[in-house]
Amino acid sequence: MKLSYLIFLFFISCSPYLFDINRNGNEIINGKITGNFRNFRQINDNSFVLTDSLIIDLKAFNVTNYKVKFLVRFLENNNLKLSLRTTLFDYLNGKKGISIYINNNKFKILENSQLIKEGNFDFNNSSIIFDIINFGEKLNIKLNCTDINFENIKLPNTEFIIFETNMNSKIEVGGINYVNLKKNL
């Protein structure tokens, strides 16, 4: 009896924590925390803070072709990994999709762990405005004023955006605005 209770407690403590943001916006965004939920703090309906090796999975239900814009403020350590065109299950099992690594003013973009682009971008006041258009085989990423465009991405679109922080990192994500491009055609 005691062993089954301990196993039950273990599974409860490891299960992802769910939250919603942007309830008053164009698209309600569902979030899932994988890791220690104490490293997550929701500030308001459209922003949150994450720290110390945490994975946050955001999705707008049935929105695979989208334009999303948001602000990331680095509060401690200027490192972030953002992944698109994957699911949380695939991501946790090594299928990373399109990964964007940020380290200070440098970026690396990988498609299924293969480097496809790297460079520098304008890094203002420890903040980045991400402006992403994810539509069909096209992927346009704007990091502040730096445009990065891809025309022939073969990975299928998904409705997920995955944020991952490193140990000793702390970021704030806010001003999230999803636009479903299929509705607006």
C-alpha atoms as a PDB file:
ATOM      1  CA  MET A   1       0.000   0.000   0.000  1.00  0.00           C
ATOM      2  CA  LYS A   2       2.725   2.475   0.942  1.00  0.00           C
ATOM      3  CA  LEU A   3       4.733   1.714  -2.216  1.00  0.00           C
ATOM      4  CA  SER A   4       1.770   2.369  -4.508  1.00  0.00           C
ATOM      5  CA  TYR A   5       1.115   5.659  -2.700  1.00  0.00           C
ATOM      6  CA  LEU A   6       4.746   6.712  -3.196  1.00  0.00           C
ATOM      7  CA  ILE A   7       4.571   5.824  -6.890  1.00  0.00           C
ATOM      8  CA  PHE A   8       1.364   7.844  -7.192  1.00  0.00           C
ATOM      9  CA  LEU A   9       3.045  10.857  -5.537  1.00  0.00           C
ATOM     10  CA  PHE A  10       6.036  10.495  -7.859  1.00  0.00           C
ATOM     11  CA  PHE A  11       3.841  10.650 -10.975  1.00  0.00           C
ATOM     12  CA  ILE A  12       1.905  13.638  -9.672  1.00  0.00           C
ATOM     13  CA  SER A  13       5.116  15.550  -8.931  1.00  0.00           C
ATOM     14  CA  CYS A  14       6.547  14.842 -12.398  1.00  0.00           C
ATOM     15  CA  SER A  15       3.441  15.632 -14.413  1.00  0.00           C
ATOM     16  CA  PRO A  16       3.424  18.822 -16.448  1.00  0.00           C
ATOM     17  CA  TYR A  17       1.711  21.876 -15.052  1.00  0.00           C
ATOM     18  CA  LEU A  18      -0.849  23.489 -17.349  1.00  0.00           C
ATOM     19  CA  PHE A  19      -1.720  27.156 -17.743  1.00  0.00           C
ATOM     20  CA  ASP A  20      -3.488  29.484 -20.195  1.00  0.00           C
ATOM     21  CA  ILE A  21      -2.473  32.919 -21.391  1.00  0.00           C
ATOM     22  CA  ASN A  22      -3.867  35.461 -23.827  1.00  0.00           C
ATOM     23  CA  ARG A  23      -7.442  34.605 -22.843  1.00  0.00           C
ATOM     24  CA  ASN A  24      -8.614  37.981 -24.160  1.00  0.00           C
ATOM     25  CA  GLY A  25      -6.559  37.946 -27.382  1.00  0.00           C
ATOM     26  CA  ASN A  26      -7.012  36.533 -30.884  1.00  0.00           C
ATOM     27  CA  GLU A  27      -6.058  33.008 -29.866  1.00  0.00           C
ATOM     28  CA  ILE A  28      -6.052  31.466 -26.400  1.00  0.00           C
ATOM     29  CA  ILE A  29      -2.611  29.990 -25.773  1.00  0.00           C
ATOM     30  CA  ASN A  30      -2.281  26.804 -23.744  1.00  0.00           C
ATOM     31  CA  GLY A  31       0.975  26.282 -21.891  1.00  0.00           C
ATOM     32  CA  LYS A  32       2.572  23.232 -20.350  1.00  0.00           C
ATOM     33  CA  ILE A  33       5.472  23.266 -17.908  1.00  0.00           C
ATOM     34  CA  THR A  34       7.905  20.367 -18.027  1.00  0.00           C
ATOM     35  CA  GLY A  35      10.278  20.441 -15.104  1.00  0.00           C
ATOM     36  CA  ASN A  36      10.023  22.013 -11.684  1.00  0.00           C
ATOM     37  CA  PHE A  37       6.867  24.133 -11.818  1.00  0.00           C
ATOM     38  CA  ARG A  38       8.320  26.303  -9.032  1.00  0.00           C
ATOM     39  CA  ASN A  39      10.688  27.735 -11.671  1.00  0.00           C
ATOM     40  CA  PHE A  40       7.687  29.240 -13.471  1.00  0.00           C
ATOM     41  CA  ARG A  41       5.755  32.362 -12.519  1.00  0.00           C
ATOM     42  CA  GLN A  42       2.841  33.761 -14.480  1.00  0.00           C
ATOM     43  CA  ILE A  43       2.904  37.564 -14.222  1.00  0.00           C
ATOM     44  CA  ASN A  44      -0.397  38.326 -15.927  1.00  0.00           C
ATOM     45  CA  ASP A  45      -2.600  37.065 -18.756  1.00  0.00           C
ATOM     46  CA  ASN A  46       0.130  37.571 -21.334  1.00  0.00           C
ATOM     47  CA  SER A  47       3.511  37.147 -19.670  1.00  0.00           C
ATOM     48  CA  PHE A  48       5.516  34.761 -17.527  1.00  0.00           C
ATOM     49  CA  VAL A  49       8.994  34.217 -16.084  1.00  0.00           C
ATOM     50  CA  LEU A  50      10.944  30.965 -16.285  1.00  0.00           C
ATOM     51  CA  THR A  51      14.229  29.995 -14.655  1.00  0.00           C
ATOM     52  CA  ASP A  52      16.737  27.195 -14.274  1.00  0.00           C
ATOM     53  CA  SER A  53      16.468  24.476 -16.906  1.00  0.00           C
ATOM     54  CA  LEU A  54      12.752  24.687 -17.517  1.00  0.00           C
ATOM     55  CA  ILE A  55      10.835  23.726 -20.657  1.00  0.00           C
ATOM     56  CA  ILE A  56       7.646  25.591 -21.544  1.00  0.00           C
ATOM     57  CA  ASP A  57       5.469  24.385 -24.391  1.00  0.00           C
ATOM     58  CA  LEU A  58       2.999  26.926 -25.838  1.00  0.00           C
ATOM     59  CA  LYS A  59       0.313  26.157 -28.371  1.00  0.00           C
ATOM     60  CA  ALA A  60      -2.676  27.876 -29.878  1.00  0.00           C
ATOM     61  CA  PHE A  61      -5.231  25.169 -30.571  1.00  0.00           C
ATOM     62  CA  ASN A  62      -5.382  24.159 -34.285  1.00  0.00           C
ATOM     63  CA  VAL A  63      -3.083  26.999 -35.356  1.00  0.00           C
ATOM     64  CA  THR A  64      -0.205  25.570 -37.408  1.00  0.00           C
ATOM     65  CA  ASN A  65       0.307  28.429 -39.861  1.00  0.00           C
ATOM     66  CA  TYR A  66       0.813  31.496 -37.746  1.00  0.00           C
ATOM     67  CA  LYS A  67       2.465  34.810 -37.127  1.00  0.00           C
ATOM     68  CA  VAL A  68       3.593  35.253 -33.552  1.00  0.00           C
ATOM     69  CA  LYS A  69       5.284  38.209 -31.940  1.00  0.00           C
ATOM     70  CA  PHE A  70       6.619  38.373 -28.395  1.00  0.00           C
ATOM     71  CA  LEU A  71       9.264  40.007 -26.233  1.00  0.00           C
ATOM     72  CA  VAL A  72      11.939  38.096 -24.327  1.00  0.00           C
ATOM     73  CA  ARG A  73      13.767  39.934 -21.555  1.00  0.00           C
ATOM     74  CA  PHE A  74      16.878  38.276 -20.174  1.00  0.00           C
ATOM     75  CA  LEU A  75      16.933  38.793 -16.415  1.00  0.00           C
ATOM     76  CA  GLU A  76      19.911  36.493 -15.719  1.00  0.00           C
ATOM     77  CA  ASN A  77      22.218  34.932 -18.313  1.00  0.00           C
ATOM     78  CA  ASN A  78      21.540  35.683 -21.965  1.00  0.00           C
ATOM     79  CA  ASN A  79      20.817  32.126 -23.111  1.00  0.00           C
ATOM     80  CA  LEU A  80      17.639  30.690 -24.577  1.00  0.00           C
ATOM     81  CA  LYS A  81      16.592  27.839 -26.819  1.00  0.00           C
ATOM     82  CA  LEU A  82      13.371  28.164 -28.806  1.00  0.00           C
ATOM     83  CA  SER A  83      11.986  25.328 -30.947  1.00  0.00           C
ATOM     84  CA  LEU A  84       9.331  25.280 -33.675  1.00  0.00           C
ATOM     85  CA  ARG A  85       7.887  22.555 -35.921  1.00  0.00           C
ATOM     86  CA  THR A  86       8.024  19.858 -33.292  1.00  0.00           C
ATOM     87  CA  THR A  87       5.795  18.557 -30.523  1.00  0.00           C
ATOM     88  CA  LEU A  88       6.734  18.332 -26.870  1.00  0.00           C
ATOM     89  CA  PHE A  89       6.771  14.524 -27.095  1.00  0.00           C
ATOM     90  CA  ASP A  90       9.098  14.577 -30.127  1.00  0.00           C
ATOM     91  CA  TYR A  91      11.244  17.315 -28.592  1.00  0.00           C
ATOM     92  CA  LEU A  92      11.785  15.322 -25.405  1.00  0.00           C
ATOM     93  CA  ASN A  93      12.653  12.288 -27.545  1.00  0.00           C
ATOM     94  CA  GLY A  94      15.370  14.029 -29.567  1.00  0.00           C
ATOM     95  CA  LYS A  95      13.403  15.331 -32.578  1.00  0.00           C
ATOM     96  CA  LYS A  96      14.092  19.011 -32.062  1.00  0.00           C
ATOM     97  CA  GLY A  97      12.466  20.455 -35.204  1.00  0.00           C
ATOM     98  CA  ILE A  98      13.702  23.987 -35.880  1.00  0.00           C
ATOM     99  CA  SER A  99      15.819  25.123 -32.919  1.00  0.00           C
ATOM    100  CA  ILE A 100      16.894  28.708 -32.359  1.00  0.00           C
ATOM    101  CA  TYR A 101      19.748  29.104 -29.888  1.00  0.00           C
ATOM    102  CA  ILE A 102      20.374  32.572 -28.461  1.00  0.00           C
ATOM    103  CA  ASN A 103      23.571  33.434 -26.615  1.00  0.00           C
ATOM    104  CA  ASN A 104      24.009  37.181 -26.050  1.00  0.00           C
ATOM    105  CA  ASN A 105      23.911  38.716 -29.549  1.00  0.00           C
ATOM    106  CA  LYS A 106      24.645  35.464 -31.423  1.00  0.00           C
ATOM    107  CA  PHE A 107      22.143  33.014 -32.862  1.00  0.00           C
ATOM    108  CA  LYS A 108      22.284  29.510 -34.299  1.00  0.00           C
ATOM    109  CA  ILE A 109      19.405  27.901 -36.127  1.00  0.00           C
ATOM    110  CA  LEU A 110      19.286  24.139 -36.566  1.00  0.00           C
ATOM    111  CA  GLU A 111      16.903  21.916 -38.494  1.00  0.00           C
ATOM    112  CA  ASN A 112      16.782  18.487 -36.830  1.00  0.00           C
ATOM    113  CA  SER A 113      20.138  19.181 -35.155  1.00  0.00           C
ATOM    114  CA  GLN A 114      21.834  20.265 -38.437  1.00  0.00           C
ATOM    115  CA  LEU A 115      23.127  23.851 -38.506  1.00  0.00           C
ATOM    116  CA  ILE A 116      21.348  25.849 -41.225  1.00  0.00           C
ATOM    117  CA  LYS A 117      22.222  29.430 -40.210  1.00  0.00           C
ATOM    118  CA  GLU A 118      24.228  31.338 -37.625  1.00  0.00           C
ATOM    119  CA  GLY A 119      25.126  34.943 -37.100  1.00  0.00           C
ATOM    120  CA  ASN A 120      24.785  38.046 -34.983  1.00  0.00           C
ATOM    121  CA  PHE A 121      21.843  40.334 -34.359  1.00  0.00           C
ATOM    122  CA  ASP A 122      21.137  43.641 -32.630  1.00  0.00           C
ATOM    123  CA  PHE A 123      20.785  42.981 -28.918  1.00  0.00           C
ATOM    124  CA  ASN A 124      19.197  45.940 -27.139  1.00  0.00           C
ATOM    125  CA  ASN A 125      18.959  46.257 -23.364  1.00  0.00           C
ATOM    126  CA  SER A 126      18.983  42.479 -22.785  1.00  0.00           C
ATOM    127  CA  SER A 127      15.748  42.134 -24.765  1.00  0.00           C
ATOM    128  CA  ILE A 128      14.727  40.522 -28.025  1.00  0.00           C
ATOM    129  CA  ILE A 129      11.550  41.075 -29.963  1.00  0.00           C
ATOM    130  CA  PHE A 130      10.786  37.840 -31.808  1.00  0.00           C
ATOM    131  CA  ASP A 131       8.564  38.176 -34.869  1.00  0.00           C
ATOM    132  CA  ILE A 132       7.982  34.783 -36.496  1.00  0.00           C
ATOM    133  CA  ILE A 133       5.949  33.825 -39.554  1.00  0.00           C
ATOM    134  CA  ASN A 134       5.592  30.056 -39.811  1.00  0.00           C
ATOM    135  CA  PHE A 135       3.647  29.253 -42.977  1.00  0.00           C
ATOM    136  CA  GLY A 136       3.992  26.117 -45.123  1.00  0.00           C
ATOM    137  CA  GLU A 137       7.583  25.657 -46.238  1.00  0.00           C
ATOM    138  CA  LYS A 138       8.405  29.277 -45.372  1.00  0.00           C
ATOM    139  CA  LEU A 139       9.790  30.390 -42.068  1.00  0.00           C
ATOM    140  CA  ASN A 140      10.626  34.034 -41.394  1.00  0.00           C
ATOM    141  CA  ILE A 141      12.262  34.925 -38.111  1.00  0.00           C
ATOM    142  CA  LYS A 142      13.000  38.472 -37.048  1.00  0.00           C
ATOM    143  CA  LEU A 143      15.237  38.992 -34.007  1.00  0.00           C
ATOM    144  CA  ASN A 144      14.894  42.700 -33.190  1.00  0.00           C
ATOM    145  CA  CYS A 145      15.880  44.185 -36.577  1.00  0.00           C
ATOM    146  CA  THR A 146      17.647  41.139 -38.044  1.00  0.00           C
ATOM    147  CA  ASP A 147      15.634  39.181 -40.639  1.00  0.00           C
ATOM    148  CA  ILE A 148      16.294  35.474 -41.164  1.00  0.00           C
ATOM    149  CA  ASN A 149      14.306  33.826 -43.953  1.00  0.00           C
ATOM    150  CA  PHE A 150      13.966  30.222 -45.081  1.00  0.00           C
ATOM    151  CA  GLU A 151      11.995  29.156 -48.153  1.00  0.00           C
ATOM    152  CA  ASN A 152      12.175  25.338 -48.235  1.00  0.00           C
ATOM    153  CA  ILE A 153      11.680  23.971 -44.733  1.00  0.00           C
ATOM    154  CA  LYS A 154      10.550  20.365 -45.153  1.00  0.00           C
ATOM    155  CA  LEU A 155       9.451  19.769 -41.562  1.00  0.00           C
ATOM    156  CA  PRO A 156       5.679  19.948 -41.098  1.00  0.00           C
ATOM    157  CA  ASN A 157       4.202  22.835 -39.147  1.00  0.00           C
ATOM    158  CA  THR A 158       2.947  22.251 -35.639  1.00  0.00           C
ATOM    159  CA  GLU A 159       1.065  24.515 -33.280  1.00  0.00           C
ATOM    160  CA  PHE A 160       3.838  24.366 -30.669  1.00  0.00           C
ATOM    161  CA  ILE A 161       6.513  26.836 -29.613  1.00  0.00           C
ATOM    162  CA  ILE A 162       8.902  25.410 -27.032  1.00  0.00           C
ATOM    163  CA  PHE A 163      11.067  27.561 -24.756  1.00  0.00           C
ATOM    164  CA  GLU A 164      13.970  26.065 -22.832  1.00  0.00           C
ATOM    165  CA  THR A 165      16.228  27.834 -20.368  1.00  0.00           C
ATOM    166  CA  ASN A 166      19.641  26.778 -19.119  1.00  0.00           C
ATOM    167  CA  MET A 167      20.665  26.370 -15.513  1.00  0.00           C
ATOM    168  CA  ASN A 168      21.119  29.785 -13.860  1.00  0.00           C
ATOM    169  CA  SER A 169      19.052  31.484 -16.573  1.00  0.00           C
ATOM    170  CA  LYS A 170      16.012  33.632 -15.977  1.00  0.00           C
ATOM    171  CA  ILE A 171      13.862  35.112 -18.736  1.00  0.00           C
ATOM    172  CA  GLU A 172      10.581  36.945 -18.995  1.00  0.00           C
ATOM    173  CA  VAL A 173       8.345  36.298 -21.997  1.00  0.00           C
ATOM    174  CA  GLY A 174       5.535  38.752 -22.654  1.00  0.00           C
ATOM    175  CA  GLY A 175       3.383  40.552 -25.169  1.00  0.00           C
ATOM    176  CA  ILE A 176       2.567  37.306 -26.945  1.00  0.00           C
ATOM    177  CA  ASN A 177       0.367  37.825 -29.983  1.00  0.00           C
ATOM    178  CA  TYR A 178      -0.607  34.841 -32.145  1.00  0.00           C
ATOM    179  CA  VAL A 179      -2.360  35.372 -35.458  1.00  0.00           C
ATOM    180  CA  ASN A 180      -3.809  32.368 -37.272  1.00  0.00           C
ATOM    181  CA  LEU A 181      -2.761  32.918 -40.896  1.00  0.00           C
ATOM    182  CA  LYS A 182      -5.315  30.418 -42.221  1.00  0.00           C
ATOM    183  CA  LYS A 183      -8.186  32.506 -40.784  1.00  0.00           C
ATOM    184  CA  ASN A 184      -6.784  35.661 -42.335  1.00  0.00           C
ATOM    185  CA  LEU A 185      -6.414  34.447 -45.932  1.00  0.00           C
END
